Amino acid sequence: MAKAPRAGGATPPSRSLPEEILVWEIFVRLPTKSVLRCRAVCRAWRGATSTRDFLLAHHARQPSLPIFCGSEYDGARHEYFVGFDHRAAAADSQLQPVVRLDDSFYPEASCGGLIIFSSHSKAATCYSVCNLATRQHAPLRQLSGFHLLGMYPHSPTGEYRLLLHRTLTNLLPEDQAGCYVFALGSDQPPRYIGEPVAAASTYLHTPALLRDSLHWYPVHRQSDPQQYHIGSKVVIVFNTTSELLGQMRAPGVPARSLVFEMDATLGIYSFDEDMRTVDIWVLQNYESEVWEWVYSVKLPVAEIKEQIRCLYDNWTVSVVLVDGEVLLLVSYVGWMFYVGIDGELVDNFNRDGQEIYSWDLRLKQTLVQHSFFTELDGYAVNALPFV
């Protein structure tokens, strides 16, 4: 006898979601730690979340968050790295801990989920490469004596490369002063590409990477205090495809200015001596190098001081772009504040009195496996500097 049809004649729904939806609509949106937990559930989930197509799609959906470092004491001093997301609904979820490291390692550059760290001794500065999500780490022994200027993807080869600089004081007999390029995973020494990117009296902050180029607004060290307010007339540009240096016009901004990526174009922000007002310029036309002054933001000084209980304006300020929204990030000891372009306080966070300080870097985590790690001498997983 045939079973009677269910009411309405509807087919009962499946107890599980189709794999297409589960993997490409849900798993691909999860944080990296959640994806790693999913892999432990069953072989099917492990296989689906381990393909290169999935890993690339997952990385593309990860937020690019400002990096903060903090100090912890549990018998020894350690550094922890966090990303701060002001959009999170709860205070606990705003702070996204990434990893805890030995305190002798300092972040220098970030790109594609990879971070270059430096460690310093009396003998030399040593560099290493790390993927915080997969906890892979390897020293870069060929880079002793070099200064790191930036990190970038080299589109013709698919390699991640470092732009380096060697000064006259660090020259070896076979070396030249100037710029060098090094491909991560290479067993060859850095390759010389030309003259110094800037004069010895010039300091380059963290560059902005867009349009396949690194951009710096140079800070000139002036011996005359009266010249301090005179800014650079150019932005230094390094084309990451041709690996050639160039320049573009800069707006008339003070010397205390930095570049940042702003919605697929270049921005420059500067602040006054009192750290109370931030001005922002945007490159309206990249090809014709036309700049426009778009914002002048007065910080909510009274509100910030009331929160941190400090009489002095000795905080740090940076400009970040979050989902197309321009925000000012103010940090002081264990406090972080987001300020809108209208000068209104958007959000704040405090790490229970622990010291937290910002780095001018962003982290977009990745689970993509990079083959160059295993080619490097000293490669390890879940070893120093991880704790």
Protein backbone atom coordinates (compact mmCIF):
# COMPACT_ATOMS: atom_id res chain seq x y z
CA MET A 1 0.00 0.00 0.00
CA ALA A 2 1.35 3.39 -0.96
CA LYS A 3 2.00 5.82 1.83
CA ALA A 4 -0.33 8.77 2.03
CA PRO A 5 1.23 12.01 0.82
CA ARG A 6 2.15 14.62 3.40
CA ALA A 7 -0.06 17.63 3.85
CA GLY A 8 0.32 19.97 0.91
CA GLY A 9 2.25 17.32 -1.05
CA ALA A 10 5.60 18.99 -0.15
CA THR A 11 8.82 16.99 -0.13
CA PRO A 12 10.44 17.03 3.32
CA PRO A 13 13.54 19.24 3.38
CA SER A 14 16.99 17.71 3.54
CA ARG A 15 18.52 17.53 6.99
CA SER A 16 21.74 19.09 5.70
CA LEU A 17 22.50 22.01 3.43
CA PRO A 18 23.78 21.33 -0.08
CA GLU A 19 27.58 21.32 -0.16
CA GLU A 20 27.63 24.23 -2.62
CA ILE A 21 25.85 26.48 -0.13
CA LEU A 22 27.68 25.15 2.92
CA VAL A 23 31.14 25.67 1.44
CA TRP A 24 30.78 28.69 -0.84
CA GLU A 25 28.22 30.72 1.12
CA ILE A 26 28.98 29.85 4.75
CA PHE A 27 32.48 28.41 5.23
CA VAL A 28 34.03 30.94 2.87
CA ARG A 29 32.83 33.77 5.13
CA LEU A 30 34.13 32.35 8.42
CA PRO A 31 37.21 33.63 10.27
CA THR A 32 40.34 31.54 9.78
CA LYS A 33 40.14 29.94 13.22
CA SER A 34 36.56 28.79 12.55
CA VAL A 35 37.59 27.22 9.23
CA LEU A 36 40.35 25.29 10.98
CA ARG A 37 37.82 24.00 13.51
CA CYS A 38 35.48 22.91 10.70
CA ARG A 39 38.25 20.76 9.24
CA ALA A 40 38.25 18.64 12.38
CA VAL A 41 34.57 17.71 11.98
CA CYS A 42 34.84 15.31 9.04
CA ARG A 43 36.98 14.42 6.02
CA ALA A 44 34.51 15.95 3.58
CA TRP A 45 34.70 19.35 5.26
CA ARG A 46 38.47 19.12 5.53
CA GLY A 47 38.79 18.38 1.82
CA ALA A 48 36.35 21.09 0.76
CA THR A 49 38.08 23.79 2.81
CA SER A 50 41.59 22.80 1.74
CA THR A 51 41.37 23.36 -2.02
CA ARG A 52 43.31 26.30 -3.44
CA ASP A 53 40.15 27.79 -5.00
CA PHE A 54 38.44 27.81 -1.61
CA LEU A 55 41.46 29.25 0.19
CA LEU A 56 41.82 32.09 -2.31
CA ALA A 57 38.10 32.90 -2.12
CA HIS A 58 38.19 32.74 1.68
CA HIS A 59 41.20 35.09 1.85
CA ALA A 60 39.46 37.57 -0.47
CA ARG A 61 36.51 37.79 1.96
CA GLN A 62 38.59 38.35 5.09
CA PRO A 63 38.51 41.89 6.51
CA SER A 64 41.65 43.97 6.36
CA LEU A 65 42.01 45.11 9.95
CA PRO A 66 44.43 47.49 11.66
CA ILE A 67 47.11 45.63 13.61
CA PHE A 68 47.66 46.28 17.29
CA CYS A 69 50.31 44.82 19.50
CA GLY A 70 50.16 44.42 23.23
CA SER A 71 52.23 43.12 26.10
CA GLU A 72 51.35 40.26 28.46
CA TYR A 73 53.20 39.02 31.52
CA ASP A 74 52.81 35.40 32.60
CA GLY A 75 56.23 34.74 34.04
CA ALA A 76 57.77 36.04 30.81
CA ARG A 77 56.97 38.96 28.56
CA HIS A 78 55.09 38.13 25.36
CA GLU A 79 53.60 40.14 22.53
CA TYR A 80 50.11 39.48 21.24
CA PHE A 81 48.75 40.64 17.91
CA VAL A 82 45.14 41.64 17.41
CA GLY A 83 42.94 43.06 14.73
CA PHE A 84 40.37 45.66 15.81
CA ASP A 85 36.95 45.70 14.13
CA HIS A 86 34.73 48.57 15.28
CA ARG A 87 31.74 47.06 13.41
CA ALA A 88 31.46 44.11 15.81
CA ALA A 89 28.34 44.23 17.93
CA ALA A 90 29.88 43.22 21.26
CA ALA A 91 32.96 44.62 22.95
CA ASP A 92 34.46 41.13 23.30
CA SER A 93 34.23 40.52 19.56
CA GLN A 94 35.72 43.90 18.60
CA LEU A 95 39.15 42.71 19.60
CA GLN A 96 40.18 39.74 17.49
CA PRO A 97 43.29 38.09 18.98
CA VAL A 98 45.49 36.63 16.28
CA VAL A 99 48.55 35.16 17.98
CA ARG A 100 50.98 35.45 20.90
CA LEU A 101 54.68 35.83 20.08
CA ASP A 102 58.01 36.14 21.78
CA ASP A 103 58.52 39.81 22.59
CA SER A 104 61.76 40.18 20.63
CA PHE A 105 60.01 40.15 17.24
CA TYR A 106 58.63 43.34 15.66
CA PRO A 107 56.35 43.64 12.58
CA GLU A 108 57.90 45.52 9.66
CA ALA A 109 55.68 44.80 6.64
CA SER A 110 52.43 43.00 5.80
CA CYS A 111 51.00 41.78 2.51
CA GLY A 112 48.67 38.96 1.46
CA GLY A 113 48.35 37.62 5.01
CA LEU A 114 52.13 37.38 5.42
CA ILE A 115 54.12 39.48 7.89
CA ILE A 116 57.81 40.27 7.90
CA PHE A 117 59.28 40.49 11.40
CA SER A 118 62.56 41.92 12.57
CA SER A 119 64.60 41.01 15.62
CA HIS A 120 67.46 43.17 16.77
CA SER A 121 70.79 42.50 18.42
CA LYS A 122 74.04 44.37 18.81
CA ALA A 123 75.45 42.46 15.84
CA ALA A 124 72.69 42.98 13.27
CA THR A 125 69.00 43.17 12.45
CA CYS A 126 67.54 39.82 11.39
CA TYR A 127 64.35 39.35 9.36
CA SER A 128 61.86 36.49 9.15
CA VAL A 129 58.57 35.74 7.37
CA CYS A 130 55.47 34.50 9.13
CA ASN A 131 51.88 33.46 8.40
CA LEU A 132 50.00 34.11 11.62
CA ALA A 133 46.98 32.02 10.57
CA THR A 134 48.93 28.84 9.73
CA ARG A 135 51.66 29.56 12.34
CA GLN A 136 54.43 29.06 9.77
CA HIS A 137 57.69 30.88 10.31
CA ALA A 138 61.12 30.98 8.68
CA PRO A 139 64.18 33.22 8.99
CA LEU A 140 65.43 35.20 6.01
CA ARG A 141 69.14 34.83 6.54
CA GLN A 142 70.18 36.58 3.31
CA LEU A 143 68.84 39.93 4.53
CA SER A 144 71.33 40.74 7.27
CA GLY A 145 72.54 44.31 6.88
CA PHE A 146 69.59 45.47 4.76
CA HIS A 147 66.81 47.91 5.61
CA LEU A 148 63.30 46.83 4.61
CA LEU A 149 61.31 49.40 2.62
CA GLY A 150 58.24 47.39 1.62
CA MET A 151 56.62 44.11 0.60
CA TYR A 152 54.57 43.43 -2.54
CA PRO A 153 53.17 40.73 -4.84
CA HIS A 154 55.07 40.54 -8.14
CA SER A 155 52.27 39.86 -10.64
CA PRO A 156 54.41 38.50 -13.54
CA THR A 157 55.81 35.68 -11.37
CA GLY A 158 53.25 35.34 -8.56
CA GLU A 159 56.06 35.78 -6.02
CA TYR A 160 55.98 37.88 -2.89
CA ARG A 161 58.99 40.17 -2.95
CA LEU A 162 60.73 42.59 -0.61
CA LEU A 163 62.16 45.97 -1.54
CA LEU A 164 65.36 46.52 0.43
CA HIS A 165 67.93 49.22 0.88
CA ARG A 166 71.61 49.05 1.81
CA THR A 167 73.42 52.16 2.99
CA LEU A 168 77.10 53.01 2.68
CA THR A 169 77.66 52.15 6.35
CA ASN A 170 76.44 48.56 5.83
CA LEU A 171 78.24 47.71 2.61
CA LEU A 172 80.05 44.46 2.09
CA PRO A 173 83.03 44.43 -0.33
CA GLU A 174 80.92 43.02 -3.18
CA ASP A 175 77.86 45.23 -2.57
CA GLN A 176 76.66 48.62 -3.77
CA ALA A 177 74.65 51.23 -1.90
CA GLY A 178 71.09 51.45 -3.13
CA CYS A 179 67.94 49.38 -3.61
CA TYR A 180 67.65 45.61 -3.84
CA VAL A 181 64.85 43.13 -4.53
CA PHE A 182 64.45 39.76 -2.83
CA ALA A 183 61.89 37.04 -3.68
CA LEU A 184 60.60 35.10 -0.67
CA GLY A 185 61.88 31.54 -0.90
CA SER A 186 64.83 32.39 -3.10
CA ASP A 187 68.20 30.83 -2.32
CA GLN A 188 69.92 33.75 -4.05
CA PRO A 189 71.06 36.97 -2.34
CA PRO A 190 69.01 40.14 -2.94
CA ARG A 191 69.32 41.53 -6.46
CA TYR A 192 70.60 45.10 -6.92
CA ILE A 193 68.22 47.27 -8.95
CA GLY A 194 69.56 50.80 -8.68
CA GLU A 195 70.24 53.96 -6.76
CA PRO A 196 68.80 54.72 -3.31
CA VAL A 197 65.07 55.39 -3.19
CA ALA A 198 65.70 58.58 -1.22
CA ALA A 199 68.46 60.62 0.35
CA ALA A 200 70.12 59.44 3.54
CA SER A 201 68.41 62.29 5.43
CA THR A 202 64.96 61.02 4.39
CA TYR A 203 62.75 58.65 6.35
CA LEU A 204 60.11 56.48 4.64
CA HIS A 205 57.09 55.33 6.64
CA THR A 206 55.02 52.26 5.75
CA PRO A 207 54.07 52.52 2.05
CA ALA A 208 50.61 52.34 0.51
CA LEU A 209 50.19 49.57 -2.08
CA LEU A 210 47.78 50.26 -4.93
CA ARG A 211 47.77 50.17 -8.72
CA ASP A 212 50.65 47.67 -8.59
CA SER A 213 52.89 50.29 -6.98
CA LEU A 214 54.26 51.16 -3.56
CA HIS A 215 53.90 54.81 -2.55
CA TRP A 216 55.73 56.81 0.16
CA TYR A 217 55.47 60.37 1.31
CA PRO A 218 59.09 61.05 2.33
CA VAL A 219 59.89 62.72 5.64
CA HIS A 220 63.04 64.83 5.42
CA ARG A 221 65.09 65.10 8.59
CA GLN A 222 65.88 68.78 8.95
CA SER A 223 68.82 70.07 10.98
CA ASP A 224 67.20 73.53 11.05
CA PRO A 225 64.08 73.53 13.30
CA GLN A 226 62.62 76.36 11.21
CA GLN A 227 62.48 73.99 8.22
CA TYR A 228 60.44 71.33 10.02
CA HIS A 229 57.11 72.36 8.49
CA ILE A 230 58.36 72.20 4.92
CA GLY A 231 57.00 69.02 3.33
CA SER A 232 58.08 67.06 0.29
CA LYS A 233 56.97 68.12 -3.17
CA VAL A 234 56.83 64.54 -4.46
CA VAL A 235 55.47 61.11 -3.61
CA ILE A 236 58.00 58.34 -4.24
CA VAL A 237 56.58 55.50 -6.38
CA PHE A 238 57.93 51.99 -6.94
CA ASN A 239 56.27 50.05 -9.77
CA THR A 240 56.05 46.45 -8.51
CA THR A 241 55.72 45.00 -12.02
CA SER A 242 58.67 46.70 -13.75
CA GLU A 243 60.47 47.19 -10.39
CA LEU A 244 61.45 50.72 -11.32
CA LEU A 245 61.45 53.80 -9.09
CA GLY A 246 59.68 57.02 -10.00
CA GLN A 247 57.91 60.05 -8.57
CA MET A 248 54.56 61.79 -8.71
CA ARG A 249 53.37 65.21 -7.62
CA ALA A 250 52.45 65.68 -3.95
CA PRO A 251 49.93 68.19 -2.61
CA GLY A 252 51.16 71.11 -0.52
CA VAL A 253 51.05 69.36 2.84
CA PRO A 254 53.13 69.77 6.02
CA ALA A 255 56.12 67.56 6.70
CA ARG A 256 54.20 65.49 9.27
CA SER A 257 52.19 63.60 6.64
CA LEU A 258 51.68 59.96 5.68
CA VAL A 259 50.13 58.10 2.75
CA PHE A 260 47.32 55.56 2.91
CA GLU A 261 45.17 53.62 0.46
CA MET A 262 41.71 55.16 0.13
CA ASP A 263 39.11 53.32 -1.94
CA ALA A 264 41.47 52.32 -4.79
CA THR A 265 43.21 55.67 -4.83
CA LEU A 266 45.90 57.41 -2.79
CA GLY A 267 45.34 59.58 0.25
CA ILE A 268 47.65 61.70 2.41
CA TYR A 269 46.87 62.79 5.94
CA SER A 270 48.69 65.22 8.19
CA PHE A 271 48.20 66.47 11.72
CA ASP A 272 49.14 69.63 13.56
CA GLU A 273 51.72 69.81 16.33
CA ASP A 274 49.07 69.51 19.04
CA MET A 275 47.64 66.32 17.46
CA ARG A 276 44.19 67.88 17.58
CA THR A 277 43.35 68.39 13.89
CA VAL A 278 43.85 65.97 10.98
CA ASP A 279 43.71 67.11 7.35
CA ILE A 280 43.16 64.62 4.52
CA TRP A 281 43.99 64.99 0.81
CA VAL A 282 42.83 62.55 -1.88
CA LEU A 283 44.33 61.91 -5.31
CA GLN A 284 41.28 62.57 -7.51
CA ASN A 285 42.99 61.66 -10.78
CA TYR A 286 45.93 59.26 -10.60
CA GLU A 287 47.12 59.78 -14.18
CA SER A 288 47.13 63.59 -14.08
CA GLU A 289 48.22 63.68 -10.41
CA VAL A 290 45.40 65.98 -9.30
CA TRP A 291 44.94 66.22 -5.50
CA GLU A 292 42.03 67.61 -3.52
CA TRP A 293 41.80 68.59 0.14
CA VAL A 294 38.65 66.79 1.30
CA TYR A 295 38.53 66.71 5.11
CA SER A 296 39.71 68.68 8.13
CA VAL A 297 38.78 66.72 11.24
CA LYS A 298 38.97 68.11 14.76
CA LEU A 299 39.45 65.33 17.29
CA PRO A 300 37.03 65.11 20.25
CA VAL A 301 39.88 65.96 22.60
CA ALA A 302 37.73 66.53 25.70
CA GLU A 303 35.97 63.17 25.36
CA ILE A 304 39.22 61.29 24.74
CA LYS A 305 40.96 62.91 27.72
CA GLU A 306 38.01 62.13 29.95
CA GLN A 307 38.23 58.45 28.99
CA ILE A 308 41.97 58.03 29.32
CA ARG A 309 42.34 60.45 32.26
CA CYS A 310 45.32 62.13 30.67
CA LEU A 311 46.16 65.84 30.50
CA TYR A 312 48.51 65.55 27.53
CA ASP A 313 47.83 64.96 23.84
CA ASN A 314 50.55 62.31 23.45
CA TRP A 315 48.45 59.80 21.53
CA THR A 316 49.04 58.47 18.02
CA VAL A 317 46.67 59.09 15.12
CA SER A 318 46.26 57.24 11.84
CA VAL A 319 43.64 57.22 9.08
CA VAL A 320 42.05 53.94 7.99
CA LEU A 321 39.43 52.95 5.44
CA VAL A 322 36.88 50.40 6.69
CA ASP A 323 34.25 49.24 4.18
CA GLY A 324 34.56 52.51 2.29
CA GLU A 325 34.24 54.60 5.47
CA VAL A 326 37.07 56.96 6.40
CA LEU A 327 37.88 56.78 10.12
CA LEU A 328 40.57 58.18 12.37
CA LEU A 329 42.20 55.71 14.70
CA VAL A 330 43.51 57.24 17.93
CA SER A 331 45.52 55.06 20.30
CA TYR A 332 46.99 55.72 23.71
CA VAL A 333 48.51 53.08 26.01
CA GLY A 334 45.63 50.58 26.39
CA TRP A 335 42.98 52.70 24.68
CA MET A 336 41.75 52.74 21.09
CA PHE A 337 39.29 55.25 19.66
CA TYR A 338 37.55 55.43 16.29
CA VAL A 339 36.60 58.97 15.20
CA GLY A 340 34.41 59.80 12.21
CA ILE A 341 35.23 62.50 9.66
CA ASP A 342 32.65 64.69 11.42
CA GLY A 343 34.84 64.65 14.52
CA GLU A 344 32.38 62.52 16.47
CA LEU A 345 33.58 59.60 18.58
CA VAL A 346 32.35 56.40 16.89
CA ASP A 347 33.65 53.79 19.32
CA ASN A 348 36.34 53.07 21.87
CA PHE A 349 37.97 50.06 23.44
CA ASN A 350 40.16 49.48 26.48
CA ARG A 351 42.27 46.40 27.20
CA ASP A 352 41.84 46.37 30.98
CA GLY A 353 44.88 48.51 31.67
CA GLN A 354 47.22 46.42 29.50
CA GLU A 355 49.53 48.21 27.13
CA ILE A 356 48.34 48.26 23.52
CA TYR A 357 49.99 50.16 20.71
CA SER A 358 49.23 50.41 17.01
CA TRP A 359 51.44 49.59 14.04
CA ASP A 360 50.95 51.26 10.70
CA LEU A 361 50.08 47.90 9.15
CA ARG A 362 46.95 45.94 8.27
CA LEU A 363 46.35 42.21 8.35
CA LYS A 364 44.13 40.23 5.99
CA GLN A 365 44.53 36.67 7.23
CA THR A 366 45.04 33.76 4.85
CA LEU A 367 45.12 29.97 4.99
CA VAL A 368 46.71 29.77 1.52
CA GLN A 369 49.76 27.52 1.59
CA HIS A 370 52.94 29.11 0.25
CA SER A 371 55.51 26.64 -1.07
CA PHE A 372 58.44 28.97 -0.38
CA PHE A 373 58.20 28.33 3.38
CA THR A 374 59.54 24.78 3.10
CA GLU A 375 62.43 25.99 0.93
CA LEU A 376 63.77 28.24 3.68
CA ASP A 377 66.42 27.03 6.09
CA GLY A 378 65.05 27.07 9.63
CA TYR A 379 61.37 26.71 8.58
CA ALA A 380 59.09 25.62 11.42
CA VAL A 381 55.44 25.45 12.44
CA ASN A 382 54.23 26.22 15.97
CA ALA A 383 57.78 26.99 17.09
CA LEU A 384 59.56 30.19 18.17
CA PRO A 385 58.46 32.99 17.92
CA PHE A 386 55.01 31.47 18.61
CA VAL A 387 54.23 30.82 22.26
